[in-house]
Structure formats: C-alpha cells, structure tokens
Amino acid sequence: MPTTDWNWFFSSVAQSAAAIVGIFGAFIVTKILANQSAYAEKNRRMQELITIGEKLVDATSRLAFEWYHKHNTASEIENLEKLLVKDETEEPDSLYEKLHFSPYISKADALQIISRVKSSREERLQREREESMLQMEQAGKLGIGTAFAMPARPHLLSELKSFQPQLTKEREVIDGLYTEVKHHVRVVSDFQSLVVSHPESSSLITASLILIVTLFFSGVIYPLSFMPLPTDWKPSISFGEIPNFICSLRGALLAVVSILFSTMLAMFFVLNIRMRYPQALLEQLEQYKHLSKYSKYFANRSENVAQRNIARSKPPLNSDTLPNGGAPFS
C-alpha cells in the first residue's frame, strides 16, 4: 500500500488560503483607508455647512422684516381701499391676486388682513350712514337744510413715498439673502443625502473582515499546525495533544502570528465600525435643510410659491374638463 505524504496537502492548502487572505485583505484594508479619508473630509464639510448655516441665521436676524412689512402692508391697504370703492363685494382671494403684499407674508395672514380691512370698512360705512341719517332727521325737524360730506380718511401716500427708497433697498437685501439661503438649503440637502446612510461604515466590509479571519485560522493556521509530519502519519484528531502543541515552539510561533494578524484586522474592524457620523451633527445639519430654521418669513415665501404653482397646475373647470361635457349631474 503506497504511503501518503500529508505535508504536501497541508502545505498547498495553507499557501492557497494565505494567498486568498493576502489578496482580499490588502484590497479591503486599502478600501478602509480610502473610506477613512473620505469620512474625514465629509466630517469637515459637515462642520463647514453648519457654520455657514449659523452665519446665514445671524444675517437673517438682522433684516428689518417687521419694518418692511409694516410700511408695505400700509401701502397695500391704501390700494385695497381703492379696489373696495370700485367693488366692495369682491372676495378676499380675488383681491389678494390684485394686490402686491410682501411675498414673505403668508397668504393666510394676507387674507386675514384683507378680511379685517373689509369688515372695518363695512362697519365704518354703516356707522357713517347711521350718523348721516340721524343728522338729516334732526335737521329736518329744525327745518335746516344741510349738505353732508363723507369724512375723508387720512392718506398715507405722501408718507409712504418718502420711505420708498428705503423700502426698495431693504427688499433688495432681503431678496439677496433669500437667494443665498435657498442655495445653501439645496447644498445641505444634497450633502445630507450622502452622509445619512453612513456609507464609509460598510457592513459588507465588516462581514468580509470576519470571513478573512475565519479563512486565516481555518485555511492557514490550522493546516500549519500539523506540519511537519512523518510520512506514515494517519489522519486523526486528538484533543489531548492540544496543550503539548501550544507549549511547543511550533505552537508558539503560530500563536504569535495569529495574535498579530488578528490584532491588525481588529484595528481595521473597529475603524470601519467607528466611521459613523455623530447623530448630533446629523440632526443639526438636518435643521438647515428647512427655510424656517433661517426665518419664518423665508418659509412663508416658499410656501406661497408652492401654493401658486399648485393653483396654476390645476386645469380650469370648463365643459372640456367636466364629465358629460359640463352637464350637471342628475
């Protein structure tokens, strides 16, 4: 019966496994180091975007929104009064489209202003009519002919015209900062979508490192633990020989190699896991995706634009878009 030399088998297995471990290990380690560089760069970029956002918030807080809206609204109320003189039955929505309220005031607030002015005007006219009728009755009883004139309301046009250059300048500053903030919101949104999933901390790399360690011990260390073997050696498993093997020179060498290799992979394993962006920074960055973080007035303008686009996208209700050619349902 021919004698089998198991040294060749274990040597071939160990060399093949060591080559696979080396190739894939080098690739994965290179990938982790590249991810570490990208992680550091994105961390720095995240801090930079947050700092820019804080700067824009500070700049927005210095804008004179209240002053601008006070004088702009006063001007539009004057224009509203003129429209109501022509047609006092016109609805607030229709009046809003004809006026030019600041886009930084929400449409709901503007409609409330219009409704309040309409109600005040109706109450004032009703009160003036009642006073006029009372005066006419009293004059009739006394036999006095009296001509009555509607009391004129004080006009603010001359005062508003004096503020017009300042209003225009302030509006330009507000619009310029709004454009800058909108751009920053888009940049933050794009960047946040890149980092929210922690792409540098890859679960695939973690699984690959575990498989490499498993292959190293099962395909390299374990076969080498049998060598060198006598030519007449028969395969057998004896747990009683493990203490003697560990205490031998061969066992000590393989243990040192195993510890060093395992330590190196453990370092990269921990490095890969730790490349997750701090949740506090992600939450802070998330805030700068919303215009309301910078100013509620910027959020108002964005909402007004969205509502206007939705209204424009709706088809008109005519006979072509209604069922049955616009015929009423029976």
Protein backbone atom coordinates (compact mmCIF):
# COMPACT_ATOMS: atom_id res chain seq x y z
CA MET A 1 0.00 0.00 0.00
CA PRO A 2 1.53 3.38 -1.01
CA THR A 3 2.39 5.85 1.71
CA THR A 4 0.68 9.30 1.55
CA ASP A 5 2.75 12.36 2.38
CA TRP A 6 0.26 14.76 4.06
CA ASN A 7 2.84 17.54 4.22
CA TRP A 8 2.20 18.41 0.59
CA PHE A 9 -1.55 18.61 1.17
CA PHE A 10 -1.38 20.83 4.23
CA SER A 11 1.31 22.99 2.66
CA SER A 12 -0.75 23.52 -0.52
CA VAL A 13 -3.89 24.36 1.46
CA ALA A 14 -2.02 26.80 3.70
CA GLN A 15 -0.32 28.53 0.77
CA SER A 16 -3.56 28.82 -1.24
CA ALA A 17 -5.52 30.15 1.73
CA ALA A 18 -2.69 32.57 2.61
CA ALA A 19 -2.72 33.93 -0.96
CA ILE A 20 -6.51 34.48 -0.83
CA VAL A 21 -6.24 36.10 2.60
CA GLY A 22 -3.45 38.38 1.37
CA ILE A 23 -5.21 39.48 -1.82
CA PHE A 24 -8.60 40.18 -0.27
CA GLY A 25 -7.09 41.52 2.94
CA ALA A 26 -4.97 44.05 1.05
CA PHE A 27 -7.96 45.14 -1.03
CA ILE A 28 -10.23 45.59 2.00
CA VAL A 29 -7.58 47.40 4.04
CA THR A 30 -6.98 49.78 1.12
CA LYS A 31 -10.72 50.38 0.88
CA ILE A 32 -10.97 51.12 4.61
CA LEU A 33 -8.12 53.63 4.43
CA ALA A 34 -9.78 55.32 1.44
CA ASN A 35 -13.07 55.42 3.34
CA GLN A 36 -11.28 56.96 6.32
CA SER A 37 -10.01 59.79 4.13
CA ALA A 38 -13.49 60.36 2.68
CA TYR A 39 -15.01 60.19 6.17
CA ALA A 40 -12.65 62.85 7.50
CA GLU A 41 -13.33 65.10 4.50
CA LYS A 42 -17.11 64.76 4.83
CA ASN A 43 -16.91 65.40 8.57
CA ARG A 44 -15.03 68.61 7.86
CA ARG A 45 -17.53 69.55 5.16
CA MET A 46 -20.44 68.91 7.51
CA GLN A 47 -18.95 71.23 10.11
CA GLU A 48 -18.40 73.85 7.41
CA LEU A 49 -22.02 73.67 6.20
CA ILE A 50 -23.30 74.02 9.76
CA THR A 51 -21.05 77.04 10.31
CA ILE A 52 -22.30 78.66 7.09
CA GLY A 53 -25.88 77.96 8.19
CA GLU A 54 -25.27 79.66 11.53
CA LYS A 55 -23.81 82.65 9.70
CA LEU A 56 -26.90 82.90 7.48
CA VAL A 57 -29.19 82.67 10.50
CA ASP A 58 -27.31 85.54 12.12
CA ALA A 59 -27.53 87.58 8.91
CA THR A 60 -31.26 86.91 8.61
CA SER A 61 -31.88 88.01 12.18
CA ARG A 62 -30.56 91.46 11.28
CA LEU A 63 -33.09 92.01 8.47
CA ALA A 64 -35.85 94.54 9.17
CA PHE A 65 -38.77 92.30 8.23
CA GLU A 66 -41.21 93.92 10.64
CA TRP A 67 -40.36 97.46 9.48
CA TYR A 68 -40.62 96.48 5.81
CA HIS A 69 -43.92 94.65 6.27
CA LYS A 70 -45.41 97.50 8.29
CA HIS A 71 -44.93 100.07 5.52
CA ASN A 72 -45.55 97.66 2.66
CA THR A 73 -48.82 96.50 4.22
CA ALA A 74 -49.90 100.11 4.83
CA SER A 75 -49.38 100.84 1.15
CA GLU A 76 -51.38 97.78 0.09
CA ILE A 77 -54.20 98.69 2.46
CA GLU A 78 -54.47 102.02 0.65
CA ASN A 79 -54.67 100.16 -2.65
CA LEU A 80 -57.21 97.78 -1.13
CA GLU A 81 -59.42 100.69 -0.13
CA LYS A 82 -59.40 101.89 -3.74
CA LEU A 83 -60.38 98.44 -5.01
CA LEU A 84 -63.21 98.21 -2.49
CA VAL A 85 -64.55 101.56 -3.64
CA LYS A 86 -64.91 100.08 -7.13
CA ASP A 87 -66.39 96.77 -5.96
CA GLU A 88 -66.92 96.14 -2.28
CA THR A 89 -68.35 92.66 -2.89
CA GLU A 90 -65.11 91.25 -4.29
CA GLU A 91 -63.80 88.21 -2.41
CA PRO A 92 -60.51 88.32 -0.43
CA ASP A 93 -58.87 85.72 -2.71
CA SER A 94 -59.56 87.83 -5.78
CA LEU A 95 -58.39 90.98 -4.03
CA TYR A 96 -55.18 89.25 -2.92
CA GLU A 97 -54.28 88.46 -6.53
CA LYS A 98 -54.68 92.12 -7.49
CA LEU A 99 -52.60 93.43 -4.60
CA HIS A 100 -48.86 93.15 -4.05
CA PHE A 101 -48.37 92.08 -0.47
CA SER A 102 -44.87 91.13 0.57
CA PRO A 103 -44.13 87.53 -0.54
CA TYR A 104 -42.63 86.98 2.89
CA ILE A 105 -46.07 87.27 4.48
CA SER A 106 -48.05 84.07 4.30
CA LYS A 107 -51.12 84.13 2.10
CA ALA A 108 -53.30 83.21 5.08
CA ASP A 109 -52.08 86.26 7.01
CA ALA A 110 -52.61 88.49 3.98
CA LEU A 111 -56.16 87.19 3.56
CA GLN A 112 -56.82 87.91 7.23
CA ILE A 113 -55.63 91.48 6.73
CA ILE A 114 -57.90 91.87 3.70
CA SER A 115 -60.89 90.43 5.55
CA ARG A 116 -60.23 92.64 8.55
CA VAL A 117 -60.00 95.76 6.37
CA LYS A 118 -63.21 94.82 4.58
CA SER A 119 -65.04 94.27 7.87
CA SER A 120 -63.71 97.53 9.34
CA ARG A 121 -64.70 99.41 6.20
CA GLU A 122 -68.21 97.97 6.24
CA GLU A 123 -68.64 98.82 9.92
CA ARG A 124 -67.32 102.34 9.33
CA LEU A 125 -69.61 102.95 6.37
CA GLN A 126 -72.58 101.56 8.27
CA ARG A 127 -71.79 103.82 11.22
CA GLU A 128 -71.38 106.85 8.94
CA ARG A 129 -74.70 106.11 7.22
CA GLU A 130 -76.47 105.86 10.55
CA GLU A 131 -74.91 109.13 11.75
CA SER A 132 -75.84 110.80 8.48
CA MET A 133 -79.46 109.62 8.73
CA LEU A 134 -79.65 110.81 12.35
CA GLN A 135 -78.29 114.23 11.42
CA MET A 136 -80.73 114.51 8.50
CA GLU A 137 -83.64 113.68 10.78
CA GLN A 138 -82.56 116.28 13.31
CA ALA A 139 -82.05 118.88 10.57
CA GLY A 140 -85.49 118.10 9.15
CA LYS A 141 -87.13 118.64 12.49
CA LEU A 142 -85.40 122.01 12.83
CA GLY A 143 -86.10 122.94 9.23
CA ILE A 144 -82.44 123.37 8.41
CA GLY A 145 -81.05 122.30 5.04
CA THR A 146 -77.70 120.70 5.45
CA ALA A 147 -75.23 119.27 2.98
CA PHE A 148 -73.19 116.44 4.28
CA ALA A 149 -69.84 115.25 3.04
CA MET A 150 -68.22 111.95 3.77
CA PRO A 151 -65.36 112.46 6.15
CA ALA A 152 -62.08 111.95 4.39
CA ARG A 153 -59.72 109.32 5.76
CA PRO A 154 -56.13 110.42 6.24
CA HIS A 155 -53.99 109.22 3.38
CA LEU A 156 -50.54 107.88 3.98
CA LEU A 157 -49.37 108.06 0.39
CA SER A 158 -47.07 111.03 0.89
CA GLU A 159 -45.51 109.39 3.94
CA LEU A 160 -45.14 106.07 2.15
CA LYS A 161 -43.46 107.73 -0.83
CA SER A 162 -40.81 109.15 1.45
CA PHE A 163 -40.00 105.62 2.63
CA GLN A 164 -39.99 104.13 -0.87
CA PRO A 165 -36.21 104.29 -1.49
CA GLN A 166 -35.50 102.69 1.88
CA LEU A 167 -38.16 100.04 1.27
CA THR A 168 -36.67 99.21 -2.12
CA LYS A 169 -33.18 98.93 -0.67
CA GLU A 170 -34.32 96.71 2.19
CA ARG A 171 -36.26 94.48 -0.22
CA GLU A 172 -33.14 94.01 -2.35
CA VAL A 173 -31.16 92.96 0.72
CA ILE A 174 -33.91 90.53 1.78
CA ASP A 175 -34.21 89.02 -1.70
CA GLY A 176 -30.44 88.64 -1.98
CA LEU A 177 -30.17 86.82 1.32
CA TYR A 178 -33.20 84.68 0.46
CA THR A 179 -31.46 83.53 -2.73
CA GLU A 180 -28.30 82.71 -0.77
CA VAL A 181 -30.26 80.77 1.84
CA LYS A 182 -32.15 78.80 -0.84
CA HIS A 183 -28.84 77.80 -2.40
CA HIS A 184 -27.47 76.71 0.97
CA VAL A 185 -30.60 74.66 1.63
CA ARG A 186 -30.10 72.80 -1.65
CA VAL A 187 -26.41 72.17 -0.89
CA VAL A 188 -27.23 70.89 2.61
CA SER A 189 -29.99 68.64 1.26
CA ASP A 190 -27.68 67.08 -1.33
CA PHE A 191 -24.88 66.58 1.19
CA GLN A 192 -27.17 65.21 3.89
CA SER A 193 -28.45 62.54 1.50
CA LEU A 194 -24.83 61.39 1.05
CA VAL A 195 -23.94 61.00 4.73
CA VAL A 196 -27.21 59.96 6.38
CA SER A 197 -26.65 56.27 5.50
CA HIS A 198 -23.03 56.26 6.83
CA PRO A 199 -21.58 54.90 3.56
CA GLU A 200 -18.00 54.70 4.90
CA SER A 201 -19.03 52.28 7.67
CA SER A 202 -19.81 49.38 5.34
CA SER A 203 -21.50 46.24 6.65
CA LEU A 204 -20.04 44.40 3.64
CA ILE A 205 -16.51 45.27 4.76
CA THR A 206 -17.32 44.14 8.32
CA ALA A 207 -18.56 40.78 7.04
CA SER A 208 -15.53 40.46 4.76
CA LEU A 209 -13.11 41.00 7.66
CA ILE A 210 -14.86 38.29 9.67
CA LEU A 211 -14.61 35.87 6.72
CA ILE A 212 -10.91 36.70 6.23
CA VAL A 213 -10.15 35.95 9.88
CA THR A 214 -12.11 32.71 9.62
CA LEU A 215 -10.24 31.73 6.45
CA PHE A 216 -6.90 32.63 8.02
CA PHE A 217 -7.37 30.37 11.03
CA SER A 218 -9.09 27.51 9.21
CA GLY A 219 -7.06 27.62 5.99
CA VAL A 220 -3.62 28.77 7.17
CA ILE A 221 -3.03 28.32 10.90
CA TYR A 222 -4.88 25.05 11.30
CA PRO A 223 -3.12 23.21 8.40
CA LEU A 224 0.27 24.55 9.51
CA SER A 225 -0.33 23.22 12.99
CA PHE A 226 0.05 19.65 11.64
CA MET A 227 3.37 20.24 9.93
CA PRO A 228 5.95 18.76 9.73
CA LEU A 229 4.50 15.25 9.65
CA PRO A 230 6.12 11.84 9.34
CA THR A 231 5.46 10.09 6.04
CA ASP A 232 3.50 7.31 7.71
CA TRP A 233 1.15 9.70 9.60
CA LYS A 234 -2.52 8.76 9.68
CA PRO A 235 -5.22 11.49 9.94
CA SER A 236 -6.66 11.62 13.45
CA ILE A 237 -7.99 14.15 15.91
CA SER A 238 -6.59 14.07 19.42
CA PHE A 239 -7.65 16.88 21.78
CA GLY A 240 -5.17 15.63 24.33
CA GLU A 241 -2.30 16.85 22.15
CA ILE A 242 -3.52 20.49 22.14
CA PRO A 243 -1.73 21.54 25.38
CA ASN A 244 1.51 19.96 24.19
CA PHE A 245 1.17 21.70 20.82
CA ILE A 246 0.57 25.12 22.38
CA CYS A 247 3.62 24.75 24.58
CA SER A 248 5.81 23.70 21.67
CA LEU A 249 7.98 26.01 19.54
CA ARG A 250 5.70 25.42 16.55
CA GLY A 251 2.61 26.33 18.56
CA ALA A 252 4.26 29.45 19.98
CA LEU A 253 5.23 30.70 16.51
CA LEU A 254 1.75 30.13 15.10
CA ALA A 255 0.19 31.78 18.19
CA VAL A 256 2.33 34.90 17.75
CA VAL A 257 1.44 35.10 14.05
CA SER A 258 -2.25 34.59 14.84
CA ILE A 259 -2.28 37.27 17.55
CA LEU A 260 -0.50 39.83 15.38
CA PHE A 261 -2.72 39.20 12.36
CA SER A 262 -5.89 39.20 14.45
CA THR A 263 -4.85 42.44 16.15
CA MET A 264 -4.26 44.19 12.83
CA LEU A 265 -7.63 43.10 11.44
CA ALA A 266 -9.33 44.03 14.72
CA MET A 267 -7.92 47.55 14.38
CA PHE A 268 -9.38 47.92 10.89
CA PHE A 269 -12.60 46.24 12.06
CA VAL A 270 -13.07 48.84 14.81
CA LEU A 271 -12.03 51.65 12.44
CA ASN A 272 -14.67 50.60 9.93
CA ILE A 273 -17.39 50.43 12.57
CA ARG A 274 -16.50 53.82 14.06
CA MET A 275 -16.78 55.64 10.72
CA ARG A 276 -20.34 56.64 11.51
CA TYR A 277 -21.25 60.31 11.60
CA PRO A 278 -22.30 61.64 15.01
CA GLN A 279 -26.08 61.68 15.35
CA ALA A 280 -25.98 65.12 16.96
CA LEU A 281 -24.22 66.58 13.90
CA LEU A 282 -26.66 64.88 11.53
CA GLU A 283 -29.63 66.29 13.45
CA GLN A 284 -28.05 69.74 13.47
CA LEU A 285 -27.40 69.52 9.72
CA GLU A 286 -30.98 68.35 9.18
CA GLN A 287 -32.29 71.64 10.60
CA TYR A 288 -30.52 73.66 7.92
CA LYS A 289 -32.50 71.86 5.21
CA HIS A 290 -35.57 73.88 6.17
CA LEU A 291 -36.10 77.57 5.42
CA SER A 292 -37.94 78.01 8.71
CA LYS A 293 -34.61 77.49 10.50
CA TYR A 294 -33.33 80.72 8.97
CA SER A 295 -36.54 82.76 9.13
CA LYS A 296 -40.26 82.10 9.24
CA TYR A 297 -40.64 84.76 6.54
CA PHE A 298 -38.44 82.77 4.14
CA ALA A 299 -40.63 79.73 4.82
CA ASN A 300 -43.69 81.88 4.07
CA ARG A 301 -42.33 82.86 0.66
CA SER A 302 -41.51 79.27 -0.24
CA GLU A 303 -44.99 78.14 0.81
CA ASN A 304 -46.62 80.95 -1.19
CA VAL A 305 -44.68 79.95 -4.30
CA ALA A 306 -45.67 76.30 -3.83
CA GLN A 307 -49.35 77.22 -3.45
CA ARG A 308 -49.21 79.43 -6.53
CA ASN A 309 -47.62 76.63 -8.58
CA ILE A 310 -50.28 74.18 -7.42
CA ALA A 311 -53.04 76.62 -8.33
CA ARG A 312 -51.55 77.18 -11.78
CA SER A 313 -51.19 73.45 -12.41
CA LYS A 314 -54.89 72.81 -11.82
CA PRO A 315 -56.87 72.77 -15.09
CA PRO A 316 -59.72 75.26 -15.37
CA LEU A 317 -63.20 73.91 -14.74
CA ASN A 318 -64.92 74.13 -18.11
CA SER A 319 -67.02 71.95 -20.33
CA ASP A 320 -63.94 70.13 -21.63
CA THR A 321 -62.74 69.01 -18.19
CA LEU A 322 -66.13 68.32 -16.55
CA PRO A 323 -67.87 64.96 -17.10
CA ASN A 324 -70.77 64.87 -19.56
CA GLY A 325 -69.46 67.98 -21.24
CA GLY A 326 -70.16 70.13 -18.21
CA ALA A 327 -73.77 68.97 -17.87
CA PRO A 328 -75.00 68.90 -14.26
CA PHE A 329 -75.44 65.57 -12.57
CA SER A 330 -78.99 64.38 -12.20
